[in-house]
């Protein structure tokens, strides 16, 4: 009888230790909510206000979609200025399409 109680106590201690170890694991990573800038109404008229609104709504990632290859600007800003503005509001930038490479070739006069 003593052996059975001792075995049960050891098993319970092991199970408790394992449960405690798994319970201390970090939770899931925070999701990165993103948006394509072509879907942001008013971006061209109030870029700072739009970025602030995106930040307030939890957006962390933004796709650049308003690149003007002729002027080499995004909404009137150089790429480095635009990146600094996005960083100011806590957002990372990415571009899904190779627009800066393709569009200048399309606009080349023959």
PDB file of N, CA and C in Angstrom:
ATOM      1  N   UNK A   1       0.816  -1.188   0.000  1.00  0.00           N
ATOM      2  CA  UNK A   1       0.000   0.000   0.000  1.00  0.00           C
ATOM      3  C   UNK A   1       0.867   1.262   0.000  1.00  0.00           C
ATOM      4  N   UNK A   2       1.958   1.214   0.817  1.00  0.00           N
ATOM      5  CA  UNK A   2       2.861   2.359   0.859  1.00  0.00           C
ATOM      6  C   UNK A   2       3.502   2.598  -0.504  1.00  0.00           C
ATOM      7  N   UNK A   3       3.816   1.538  -1.214  1.00  0.00           N
ATOM      8  CA  UNK A   3       4.435   1.655  -2.534  1.00  0.00           C
ATOM      9  C   UNK A   3       3.481   2.317  -3.523  1.00  0.00           C
ATOM     10  N   UNK A   4       2.221   1.969  -3.467  1.00  0.00           N
ATOM     11  CA  UNK A   4       1.226   2.554  -4.379  1.00  0.00           C
ATOM     12  C   UNK A   4       1.077   4.045  -4.093  1.00  0.00           C
ATOM     13  N   UNK A   5       0.985   4.419  -2.825  1.00  0.00           N
ATOM     14  CA  UNK A   5       0.851   5.834  -2.464  1.00  0.00           C
ATOM     15  C   UNK A   5       2.095   6.629  -2.864  1.00  0.00           C
ATOM     16  N   UNK A   6       3.249   6.044  -2.643  1.00  0.00           N
ATOM     17  CA  UNK A   6       4.499   6.704  -3.018  1.00  0.00           C
ATOM     18  C   UNK A   6       4.555   6.901  -4.535  1.00  0.00           C
ATOM     19  N   UNK A   7       4.181   5.897  -5.307  1.00  0.00           N
ATOM     20  CA  UNK A   7       4.187   5.976  -6.771  1.00  0.00           C
ATOM     21  C   UNK A   7       3.200   7.042  -7.250  1.00  0.00           C
ATOM     22  N   UNK A   8       2.014   7.073  -6.659  1.00  0.00           N
ATOM     23  CA  UNK A   8       1.018   8.075  -7.044  1.00  0.00           C
ATOM     24  C   UNK A   8       1.508   9.489  -6.718  1.00  0.00           C
ATOM     25  N   UNK A   9       2.153   9.659  -5.592  1.00  0.00           N
ATOM     26  CA  UNK A   9       2.678  10.974  -5.212  1.00  0.00           C
ATOM     27  C   UNK A   9       3.753  11.433  -6.187  1.00  0.00           C
ATOM     28  N   UNK A  10       4.618  10.517  -6.588  1.00  0.00           N
ATOM     29  CA  UNK A  10       5.681  10.861  -7.547  1.00  0.00           C
ATOM     30  C   UNK A  10       5.076  11.230  -8.894  1.00  0.00           C
ATOM     31  N   UNK A  11       4.093  10.464  -9.353  1.00  0.00           N
ATOM     32  CA  UNK A  11       3.434  10.755 -10.635  1.00  0.00           C
ATOM     33  C   UNK A  11       2.765  12.124 -10.583  1.00  0.00           C
ATOM     34  N   UNK A  12       2.073  12.424  -9.494  1.00  0.00           N
ATOM     35  CA  UNK A  12       1.421  13.727  -9.359  1.00  0.00           C
ATOM     36  C   UNK A  12       2.438  14.869  -9.355  1.00  0.00           C
ATOM     37  N   UNK A  13       3.560  14.684  -8.686  1.00  0.00           N
ATOM     38  CA  UNK A  13       4.601  15.718  -8.683  1.00  0.00           C
ATOM     39  C   UNK A  13       5.163  15.951 -10.082  1.00  0.00           C
ATOM     40  N   UNK A  14       5.400  14.873 -10.815  1.00  0.00           N
ATOM     41  CA  UNK A  14       5.919  14.994 -12.182  1.00  0.00           C
ATOM     42  C   UNK A  14       4.902  15.709 -13.066  1.00  0.00           C
ATOM     43  N   UNK A  15       3.627  15.330 -12.971  1.00  0.00           N
ATOM     44  CA  UNK A  15       2.582  15.982 -13.769  1.00  0.00           C
ATOM     45  C   UNK A  15       2.451  17.465 -13.411  1.00  0.00           C
ATOM     46  N   UNK A  16       2.525  17.778 -12.123  1.00  0.00           N
ATOM     47  CA  UNK A  16       2.440  19.173 -11.692  1.00  0.00           C
ATOM     48  C   UNK A  16       3.626  19.985 -12.221  1.00  0.00           C
ATOM     49  N   UNK A  17       4.817  19.408 -12.151  1.00  0.00           N
ATOM     50  CA  UNK A  17       6.016  20.095 -12.654  1.00  0.00           C
ATOM     51  C   UNK A  17       5.916  20.325 -14.159  1.00  0.00           C
ATOM     52  N   UNK A  18       5.431  19.333 -14.896  1.00  0.00           N
ATOM     53  CA  UNK A  18       5.292  19.473 -16.348  1.00  0.00           C
ATOM     54  C   UNK A  18       4.254  20.536 -16.687  1.00  0.00           C
ATOM     55  N   UNK A  19       3.130  20.539 -15.982  1.00  0.00           N
ATOM     56  CA  UNK A  19       2.079  21.533 -16.237  1.00  0.00           C
ATOM     57  C   UNK A  19       2.587  22.940 -15.946  1.00  0.00           C
ATOM     58  N   UNK A  20       3.352  23.086 -14.899  1.00  0.00           N
ATOM     59  CA  UNK A  20       3.915  24.393 -14.552  1.00  0.00           C
ATOM     60  C   UNK A  20       4.905  24.857 -15.618  1.00  0.00           C
ATOM     61  N   UNK A  21       5.707  23.958 -16.124  1.00  0.00           N
ATOM     62  CA  UNK A  21       6.690  24.317 -17.152  1.00  0.00           C
ATOM     63  C   UNK A  21       5.999  24.757 -18.434  1.00  0.00           C
ATOM     64  N   UNK A  22       4.965  24.061 -18.854  1.00  0.00           N
ATOM     65  CA  UNK A  22       4.258  24.428 -20.085  1.00  0.00           C
ATOM     66  C   UNK A  22       3.441  25.699 -19.910  1.00  0.00           C
ATOM     67  N   UNK A  23       2.952  25.953 -18.722  1.00  0.00           N
ATOM     68  CA  UNK A  23       2.146  27.146 -18.475  1.00  0.00           C
ATOM     69  C   UNK A  23       2.983  28.412 -18.554  1.00  0.00           C
ATOM     70  N   UNK A  24       4.282  28.313 -18.357  1.00  0.00           N
ATOM     71  CA  UNK A  24       5.129  29.499 -18.367  1.00  0.00           C
ATOM     72  C   UNK A  24       5.650  29.859 -19.753  1.00  0.00           C
ATOM     73  N   UNK A  25       5.257  29.109 -20.788  1.00  0.00           N
ATOM     74  CA  UNK A  25       5.688  29.445 -22.147  1.00  0.00           C
ATOM     75  C   UNK A  25       5.047  30.757 -22.578  1.00  0.00           C
ATOM     76  N   UNK A  26       5.757  31.543 -23.388  1.00  0.00           N
ATOM     77  CA  UNK A  26       5.170  32.796 -23.855  1.00  0.00           C
ATOM     78  C   UNK A  26       3.962  32.527 -24.743  1.00  0.00           C
ATOM     79  N   UNK A  27       3.043  33.488 -24.765  1.00  0.00           N
ATOM     80  CA  UNK A  27       1.837  33.365 -25.580  1.00  0.00           C
ATOM     81  C   UNK A  27       2.145  33.555 -27.052  1.00  0.00           C
ATOM     82  N   UNK A  28       1.121  33.586 -27.868  1.00  0.00           N
ATOM     83  CA  UNK A  28       1.331  33.752 -29.308  1.00  0.00           C
ATOM     84  C   UNK A  28       1.907  35.127 -29.628  1.00  0.00           C
ATOM     85  N   UNK A  29       2.626  35.205 -30.740  1.00  0.00           N
ATOM     86  CA  UNK A  29       3.208  36.474 -31.164  1.00  0.00           C
ATOM     87  C   UNK A  29       2.096  37.448 -31.550  1.00  0.00           C
ATOM     88  N   UNK A  30       2.399  38.729 -31.396  1.00  0.00           N
ATOM     89  CA  UNK A  30       1.444  39.753 -31.795  1.00  0.00           C
ATOM     90  C   UNK A  30       1.317  39.753 -33.312  1.00  0.00           C
ATOM     91  N   UNK A  31       0.098  39.823 -33.802  1.00  0.00           N
ATOM     92  CA  UNK A  31      -0.116  39.832 -35.246  1.00  0.00           C
ATOM     93  C   UNK A  31       0.234  41.199 -35.815  1.00  0.00           C
ATOM     94  N   UNK A  32       0.764  41.185 -37.027  1.00  0.00           N
ATOM     95  CA  UNK A  32       1.122  42.411 -37.726  1.00  0.00           C
ATOM     96  C   UNK A  32      -0.014  42.764 -38.683  1.00  0.00           C
ATOM     97  N   UNK A  33      -0.833  43.722 -38.336  1.00  0.00           N
ATOM     98  CA  UNK A  33      -1.941  44.145 -39.176  1.00  0.00           C
ATOM     99  C   UNK A  33      -1.408  45.106 -40.226  1.00  0.00           C
ATOM    100  N   UNK A  34      -1.674  44.822 -41.505  1.00  0.00           N
ATOM    101  CA  UNK A  34      -1.155  45.647 -42.587  1.00  0.00           C
ATOM    102  C   UNK A  34      -2.245  46.142 -43.516  1.00  0.00           C
ATOM    103  N   UNK A  35      -1.869  47.107 -44.360  1.00  0.00           N
ATOM    104  CA  UNK A  35      -2.816  47.695 -45.300  1.00  0.00           C
ATOM    105  C   UNK A  35      -2.069  48.165 -46.543  1.00  0.00           C
ATOM    106  N   UNK A  36      -2.751  48.134 -47.684  1.00  0.00           N
ATOM    107  CA  UNK A  36      -2.202  48.692 -48.925  1.00  0.00           C
ATOM    108  C   UNK A  36      -2.634  50.151 -49.001  1.00  0.00           C
ATOM    109  N   UNK A  37      -1.704  51.040 -49.296  1.00  0.00           N
ATOM    110  CA  UNK A  37      -2.025  52.467 -49.237  1.00  0.00           C
ATOM    111  C   UNK A  37      -3.043  52.908 -50.281  1.00  0.00           C
ATOM    112  N   UNK A  38      -3.211  52.152 -51.365  1.00  0.00           N
ATOM    113  CA  UNK A  38      -4.213  52.571 -52.346  1.00  0.00           C
ATOM    114  C   UNK A  38      -5.625  52.514 -51.765  1.00  0.00           C
ATOM    115  N   UNK A  39      -5.822  51.808 -50.667  1.00  0.00           N
ATOM    116  CA  UNK A  39      -7.151  51.695 -50.065  1.00  0.00           C
ATOM    117  C   UNK A  39      -7.394  52.716 -48.955  1.00  0.00           C
ATOM    118  N   UNK A  40      -6.448  53.617 -48.735  1.00  0.00           N
ATOM    119  CA  UNK A  40      -6.586  54.614 -47.671  1.00  0.00           C
ATOM    120  C   UNK A  40      -7.162  55.897 -48.261  1.00  0.00           C
ATOM    121  N   UNK A  41      -8.406  56.181 -47.926  1.00  0.00           N
ATOM    122  CA  UNK A  41      -9.071  57.383 -48.427  1.00  0.00           C
ATOM    123  C   UNK A  41      -8.462  58.621 -47.769  1.00  0.00           C
ATOM    124  N   UNK A  42      -8.135  59.615 -48.574  1.00  0.00           N
ATOM    125  CA  UNK A  42      -7.595  60.861 -48.057  1.00  0.00           C
ATOM    126  C   UNK A  42      -6.095  60.877 -47.868  1.00  0.00           C
ATOM    127  N   UNK A  43      -5.410  59.809 -48.240  1.00  0.00           N
ATOM    128  CA  UNK A  43      -3.957  59.750 -48.055  1.00  0.00           C
ATOM    129  C   UNK A  43      -3.261  60.881 -48.806  1.00  0.00           C
ATOM    130  N   UNK A  44      -3.704  61.143 -50.037  1.00  0.00           N
ATOM    131  CA  UNK A  44      -3.038  62.169 -50.845  1.00  0.00           C
ATOM    132  C   UNK A  44      -3.280  63.583 -50.325  1.00  0.00           C
ATOM    133  N   UNK A  45      -4.368  63.820 -49.599  1.00  0.00           N
ATOM    134  CA  UNK A  45      -4.646  65.171 -49.111  1.00  0.00           C
ATOM    135  C   UNK A  45      -4.131  65.419 -47.687  1.00  0.00           C
ATOM    136  N   UNK A  46      -4.019  64.384 -46.873  1.00  0.00           N
ATOM    137  CA  UNK A  46      -3.547  64.539 -45.493  1.00  0.00           C
ATOM    138  C   UNK A  46      -2.762  63.298 -45.086  1.00  0.00           C
ATOM    139  N   UNK A  47      -1.526  63.243 -45.523  1.00  0.00           N
ATOM    140  CA  UNK A  47      -0.735  62.032 -45.296  1.00  0.00           C
ATOM    141  C   UNK A  47      -0.424  61.824 -43.815  1.00  0.00           C
ATOM    142  N   UNK A  48      -0.081  62.881 -43.103  1.00  0.00           N
ATOM    143  CA  UNK A  48       0.228  62.736 -41.669  1.00  0.00           C
ATOM    144  C   UNK A  48      -1.012  62.300 -40.896  1.00  0.00           C
ATOM    145  N   UNK A  49      -2.152  62.908 -41.198  1.00  0.00           N
ATOM    146  CA  UNK A  49      -3.395  62.518 -40.531  1.00  0.00           C
ATOM    147  C   UNK A  49      -3.780  61.085 -40.845  1.00  0.00           C
ATOM    148  N   UNK A  50      -3.553  60.675 -42.095  1.00  0.00           N
ATOM    149  CA  UNK A  50      -3.859  59.297 -42.494  1.00  0.00           C
ATOM    150  C   UNK A  50      -2.955  58.305 -41.772  1.00  0.00           C
ATOM    151  N   UNK A  51      -1.665  58.619 -41.691  1.00  0.00           N
ATOM    152  CA  UNK A  51      -0.734  57.735 -40.987  1.00  0.00           C
ATOM    153  C   UNK A  51      -1.106  57.637 -39.505  1.00  0.00           C
ATOM    154  N   UNK A  52      -1.480  58.765 -38.907  1.00  0.00           N
ATOM    155  CA  UNK A  52      -1.874  58.777 -37.492  1.00  0.00           C
ATOM    156  C   UNK A  52      -3.118  57.915 -37.290  1.00  0.00           C
ATOM    157  N   UNK A  53      -4.082  58.030 -38.201  1.00  0.00           N
ATOM    158  CA  UNK A  53      -5.302  57.230 -38.115  1.00  0.00           C
ATOM    159  C   UNK A  53      -4.998  55.738 -38.241  1.00  0.00           C
ATOM    160  N   UNK A  54      -4.098  55.393 -39.164  1.00  0.00           N
ATOM    161  CA  UNK A  54      -3.706  53.991 -39.328  1.00  0.00           C
ATOM    162  C   UNK A  54      -3.049  53.467 -38.051  1.00  0.00           C
ATOM    163  N   UNK A  55      -2.175  54.287 -37.474  1.00  0.00           N
ATOM    164  CA  UNK A  55      -1.509  53.894 -36.229  1.00  0.00           C
ATOM    165  C   UNK A  55      -2.534  53.693 -35.113  1.00  0.00           C
ATOM    166  N   UNK A  56      -3.485  54.615 -35.007  1.00  0.00           N
ATOM    167  CA  UNK A  56      -4.506  54.521 -33.966  1.00  0.00           C
ATOM    168  C   UNK A  56      -5.376  53.278 -34.122  1.00  0.00           C
ATOM    169  N   UNK A  57      -5.522  52.801 -35.360  1.00  0.00           N
ATOM    170  CA  UNK A  57      -6.343  51.621 -35.629  1.00  0.00           C
ATOM    171  C   UNK A  57      -5.543  50.322 -35.598  1.00  0.00           C
ATOM    172  N   UNK A  58      -4.270  50.393 -35.203  1.00  0.00           N
ATOM    173  CA  UNK A  58      -3.484  49.189 -34.976  1.00  0.00           C
ATOM    174  C   UNK A  58      -2.692  48.668 -36.162  1.00  0.00           C
ATOM    175  N   UNK A  59      -2.609  49.438 -37.246  1.00  0.00           N
ATOM    176  CA  UNK A  59      -1.834  48.980 -38.404  1.00  0.00           C
ATOM    177  C   UNK A  59      -0.345  49.096 -38.106  1.00  0.00           C
ATOM    178  N   UNK A  60       0.409  48.058 -38.497  1.00  0.00           N
ATOM    179  CA  UNK A  60       1.854  48.014 -38.247  1.00  0.00           C
ATOM    180  C   UNK A  60       2.659  47.907 -39.534  1.00  0.00           C
ATOM    181  N   UNK A  61       2.015  47.492 -40.627  1.00  0.00           N
ATOM    182  CA  UNK A  61       2.700  47.265 -41.897  1.00  0.00           C
ATOM    183  C   UNK A  61       1.903  47.950 -43.000  1.00  0.00           C
ATOM    184  N   UNK A  62       2.623  48.582 -43.924  1.00  0.00           N
ATOM    185  CA  UNK A  62       1.969  49.295 -45.013  1.00  0.00           C
ATOM    186  C   UNK A  62       2.636  48.948 -46.338  1.00  0.00           C
ATOM    187  N   UNK A  63       1.818  48.615 -47.321  1.00  0.00           N
ATOM    188  CA  UNK A  63       2.339  48.368 -48.664  1.00  0.00           C
ATOM    189  C   UNK A  63       2.339  49.683 -49.434  1.00  0.00           C
ATOM    190  N   UNK A  64       3.472  50.015 -50.018  1.00  0.00           N
ATOM    191  CA  UNK A  64       3.571  51.219 -50.844  1.00  0.00           C
ATOM    192  C   UNK A  64       2.926  50.912 -52.185  1.00  0.00           C
ATOM    193  N   UNK A  65       1.904  51.690 -52.542  1.00  0.00           N
ATOM    194  CA  UNK A  65       1.259  51.434 -53.823  1.00  0.00           C
ATOM    195  C   UNK A  65       1.067  52.700 -54.647  1.00  0.00           C
ATOM    196  N   UNK A  66       1.561  53.821 -54.179  1.00  0.00           N
ATOM    197  CA  UNK A  66       1.379  55.085 -54.896  1.00  0.00           C
ATOM    198  C   UNK A  66       2.713  55.662 -55.365  1.00  0.00           C
ATOM    199  N   UNK A  67       3.584  54.806 -55.851  1.00  0.00           N
ATOM    200  CA  UNK A  67       4.909  55.247 -56.297  1.00  0.00           C
ATOM    201  C   UNK A  67       4.809  55.866 -57.684  1.00  0.00           C
ATOM    202  N   UNK A  68       5.351  57.072 -57.843  1.00  0.00           N
ATOM    203  CA  UNK A  68       5.392  57.752 -59.129  1.00  0.00           C
ATOM    204  C   UNK A  68       6.807  57.589 -59.679  1.00  0.00           C
ATOM    205  N   UNK A  69       6.948  56.715 -60.650  1.00  0.00           N
ATOM    206  CA  UNK A  69       8.278  56.397 -61.179  1.00  0.00           C
ATOM    207  C   UNK A  69       8.895  57.572 -61.919  1.00  0.00           C
ATOM    208  N   UNK A  70       8.072  58.390 -62.530  1.00  0.00           N
ATOM    209  CA  UNK A  70       8.607  59.535 -63.274  1.00  0.00           C
ATOM    210  C   UNK A  70       9.297  60.515 -62.328  1.00  0.00           C
ATOM    211  N   UNK A  71       8.645  60.825 -61.212  1.00  0.00           N
ATOM    212  CA  UNK A  71       9.221  61.751 -60.229  1.00  0.00           C
ATOM    213  C   UNK A  71      10.066  61.037 -59.176  1.00  0.00           C
ATOM    214  N   UNK A  72       9.986  59.713 -59.170  1.00  0.00           N
ATOM    215  CA  UNK A  72      10.662  58.892 -58.170  1.00  0.00           C
ATOM    216  C   UNK A  72      10.244  59.290 -56.751  1.00  0.00           C
ATOM    217  N   UNK A  73       8.914  59.455 -56.580  1.00  0.00           N
ATOM    218  CA  UNK A  73       8.377  59.858 -55.283  1.00  0.00           C
ATOM    219  C   UNK A  73       7.131  59.044 -54.953  1.00  0.00           C
ATOM    220  N   UNK A  74       6.832  59.000 -53.674  1.00  0.00           N
ATOM    221  CA  UNK A  74       5.620  58.360 -53.168  1.00  0.00           C
ATOM    222  C   UNK A  74       4.787  59.453 -52.517  1.00  0.00           C
ATOM    223  N   UNK A  75       3.637  59.750 -53.111  1.00  0.00           N
ATOM    224  CA  UNK A  75       2.763  60.812 -52.596  1.00  0.00           C
ATOM    225  C   UNK A  75       3.525  62.127 -52.395  1.00  0.00           C
ATOM    226  N   UNK A  76       4.466  62.435 -53.287  1.00  0.00           N
ATOM    227  CA  UNK A  76       5.224  63.675 -53.208  1.00  0.00           C
ATOM    228  C   UNK A  76       6.455  63.621 -52.314  1.00  0.00           C
ATOM    229  N   UNK A  77       6.715  62.499 -51.694  1.00  0.00           N
ATOM    230  CA  UNK A  77       7.871  62.333 -50.810  1.00  0.00           C
ATOM    231  C   UNK A  77       8.902  61.433 -51.475  1.00  0.00           C
ATOM    232  N   UNK A  78      10.178  61.704 -51.216  1.00  0.00           N
ATOM    233  CA  UNK A  78      11.208  60.773 -51.671  1.00  0.00           C
ATOM    234  C   UNK A  78      11.032  59.480 -50.877  1.00  0.00           C
ATOM    235  N   UNK A  79      11.533  58.367 -51.387  1.00  0.00           N
ATOM    236  CA  UNK A  79      11.388  57.116 -50.637  1.00  0.00           C
ATOM    237  C   UNK A  79      11.934  57.189 -49.206  1.00  0.00           C
ATOM    238  N   UNK A  80      13.062  57.873 -49.008  1.00  0.00           N
ATOM    239  CA  UNK A  80      13.612  57.959 -47.650  1.00  0.00           C
ATOM    240  C   UNK A  80      12.742  58.841 -46.750  1.00  0.00           C
ATOM    241  N   UNK A  81      12.165  59.922 -47.295  1.00  0.00           N
ATOM    242  CA  UNK A  81      11.258  60.765 -46.511  1.00  0.00           C
ATOM    243  C   UNK A  81       9.993  59.994 -46.132  1.00  0.00           C
ATOM    244  N   UNK A  82       9.474  59.233 -47.092  1.00  0.00           N
ATOM    245  CA  UNK A  82       8.264  58.444 -46.858  1.00  0.00           C
ATOM    246  C   UNK A  82       8.523  57.368 -45.802  1.00  0.00           C
ATOM    247  N   UNK A  83       9.688  56.737 -45.887  1.00  0.00           N
ATOM    248  CA  UNK A  83      10.052  55.710 -44.904  1.00  0.00           C
ATOM    249  C   UNK A  83      10.195  56.323 -43.512  1.00  0.00           C
ATOM    250  N   UNK A  84      10.776  57.517 -43.431  1.00  0.00           N
ATOM    251  CA  UNK A  84      10.922  58.193 -42.141  1.00  0.00           C
ATOM    252  C   UNK A  84       9.554  58.548 -41.558  1.00  0.00           C
ATOM    253  N   UNK A  85       8.640  58.969 -42.421  1.00  0.00           N
ATOM    254  CA  UNK A  85       7.290  59.295 -41.975  1.00  0.00           C
ATOM    255  C   UNK A  85       6.571  58.047 -41.454  1.00  0.00           C
ATOM    256  N   UNK A  86       6.719  56.945 -42.166  1.00  0.00           N
ATOM    257  CA  UNK A  86       6.107  55.686 -41.716  1.00  0.00           C
ATOM    258  C   UNK A  86       6.711  55.248 -40.383  1.00  0.00           C
ATOM    259  N   UNK A  87       8.018  55.389 -40.247  1.00  0.00           N
ATOM    260  CA  UNK A  87       8.692  55.015 -38.997  1.00  0.00           C
ATOM    261  C   UNK A  87       8.208  55.882 -37.837  1.00  0.00           C
ATOM    262  N   UNK A  88       7.970  57.164 -38.121  1.00  0.00           N
ATOM    263  CA  UNK A  88       7.465  58.090 -37.102  1.00  0.00           C
ATOM    264  C   UNK A  88       6.153  57.581 -36.498  1.00  0.00           C
ATOM    265  N   UNK A  89       5.346  56.935 -37.334  1.00  0.00           N
ATOM    266  CA  UNK A  89       4.057  56.414 -36.877  1.00  0.00           C
ATOM    267  C   UNK A  89       4.104  54.915 -36.588  1.00  0.00           C
ATOM    268  N   UNK A  90       5.305  54.356 -36.465  1.00  0.00           N
ATOM    269  CA  UNK A  90       5.471  52.978 -36.029  1.00  0.00           C
ATOM    270  C   UNK A  90       5.108  51.916 -37.045  1.00  0.00           C
ATOM    271  N   UNK A  91       5.237  52.234 -38.334  1.00  0.00           N
ATOM    272  CA  UNK A  91       4.875  51.262 -39.365  1.00  0.00           C
ATOM    273  C   UNK A  91       6.077  50.846 -40.197  1.00  0.00           C
ATOM    274  N   UNK A  92       6.074  49.576 -40.591  1.00  0.00           N
ATOM    275  CA  UNK A  92       7.069  49.052 -41.519  1.00  0.00           C
ATOM    276  C   UNK A  92       6.488  49.121 -42.921  1.00  0.00           C
ATOM    277  N   UNK A  93       7.357  49.310 -43.908  1.00  0.00           N
ATOM    278  CA  UNK A  93       6.924  49.396 -45.302  1.00  0.00           C
ATOM    279  C   UNK A  93       7.380  48.186 -46.089  1.00  0.00           C
ATOM    280  N   UNK A  94       6.598  47.824 -47.093  1.00  0.00           N
ATOM    281  CA  UNK A  94       7.027  46.828 -48.068  1.00  0.00           C
ATOM    282  C   UNK A  94       6.327  47.138 -49.382  1.00  0.00           C
ATOM    283  N   UNK A  95       6.851  46.596 -50.436  1.00  0.00           N
ATOM    284  CA  UNK A  95       6.234  46.762 -51.744  1.00  0.00           C
ATOM    285  C   UNK A  95       6.138  45.393 -52.387  1.00  0.00           C
ATOM    286  N   UNK A  96       4.924  45.008 -52.736  1.00  0.00           N
ATOM    287  CA  UNK A  96       4.695  43.674 -53.276  1.00  0.00           C
ATOM    288  C   UNK A  96       5.023  43.585 -54.754  1.00  0.00           C
ATOM    289  N   UNK A  97       4.975  44.700 -55.453  1.00  0.00           N
ATOM    290  CA  UNK A  97       5.216  44.680 -56.899  1.00  0.00           C
ATOM    291  C   UNK A  97       6.478  45.466 -57.222  1.00  0.00           C
ATOM    292  N   UNK A  98       7.256  45.031 -58.195  1.00  0.00           N
ATOM    293  CA  UNK A  98       8.501  45.732 -58.543  1.00  0.00           C
ATOM    294  C   UNK A  98       8.243  46.953 -59.416  1.00  0.00           C
ATOM    295  N   UNK A  99       7.370  47.846 -58.975  1.00  0.00           N
ATOM    296  CA  UNK A  99       6.974  49.002 -59.774  1.00  0.00           C
ATOM    297  C   UNK A  99       8.141  49.908 -60.139  1.00  0.00           C
ATOM    298  N   UNK A 100       9.047  50.257 -59.228  1.00  0.00           N
ATOM    299  CA  UNK A 100      10.129  51.159 -59.609  1.00  0.00           C
ATOM    300  C   UNK A 100      10.989  50.624 -60.747  1.00  0.00           C
ATOM    301  N   UNK A 101      11.014  49.336 -60.940  1.00  0.00           N
ATOM    302  CA  UNK A 101      11.815  48.760 -62.015  1.00  0.00           C
ATOM    303  C   UNK A 101      11.028  48.714 -63.318  1.00  0.00           C
ATOM    304  N   UNK A 102       9.769  48.317 -63.273  1.00  0.00           N
ATOM    305  CA  UNK A 102       8.987  48.100 -64.484  1.00  0.00           C
ATOM    306  C   UNK A 102       8.430  49.374 -65.107  1.00  0.00           C
ATOM    307  N   UNK A 103       7.889  50.274 -64.318  1.00  0.00           N
ATOM    308  CA  UNK A 103       7.212  51.432 -64.890  1.00  0.00           C
ATOM    309  C   UNK A 103       8.153  52.360 -65.645  1.00  0.00           C
ATOM    310  N   UNK A 104       9.367  52.650 -65.175  1.00  0.00           N
ATOM    311  CA  UNK A 104      10.232  53.513 -65.984  1.00  0.00           C
ATOM    312  C   UNK A 104      10.474  52.945 -67.383  1.00  0.00           C
ATOM    313  N   UNK A 105      10.531  51.619 -67.507  1.00  0.00           N
ATOM    314  CA  UNK A 105      10.717  51.032 -68.834  1.00  0.00           C
ATOM    315  C   UNK A 105       9.495  51.284 -69.707  1.00  0.00           C
ATOM    316  N   UNK A 106       8.309  51.299 -69.113  1.00  0.00           N
ATOM    317  CA  UNK A 106       7.091  51.547 -69.878  1.00  0.00           C
ATOM    318  C   UNK A 106       7.016  52.994 -70.338  1.00  0.00           C
ATOM    319  N   UNK A 107       7.559  53.913 -69.532  1.00  0.00           N
ATOM    320  CA  UNK A 107       7.460  55.319 -69.856  1.00  0.00           C
ATOM    321  C   UNK A 107       8.609  55.824 -70.724  1.00  0.00           C
ATOM    322  N   UNK A 108       9.548  54.993 -71.029  1.00  0.00           N
ATOM    323  CA  UNK A 108      10.676  55.407 -71.846  1.00  0.00           C
ATOM    324  C   UNK A 108      10.187  55.747 -73.247  1.00  0.00           C
ATOM    325  N   UNK A 109      10.527  56.944 -73.683  1.00  0.00           N
ATOM    326  CA  UNK A 109      10.125  57.353 -75.037  1.00  0.00           C
ATOM    327  C   UNK A 109      11.064  56.722 -76.045  1.00  0.00           C
ATOM    328  N   UNK A 110      10.493  56.217 -77.124  1.00  0.00           N
ATOM    329  CA  UNK A 110      11.295  55.560 -78.160  1.00  0.00           C
ATOM    330  C   UNK A 110      11.523  56.486 -79.327  1.00  0.00           C
TER     331      UNK A 110
END
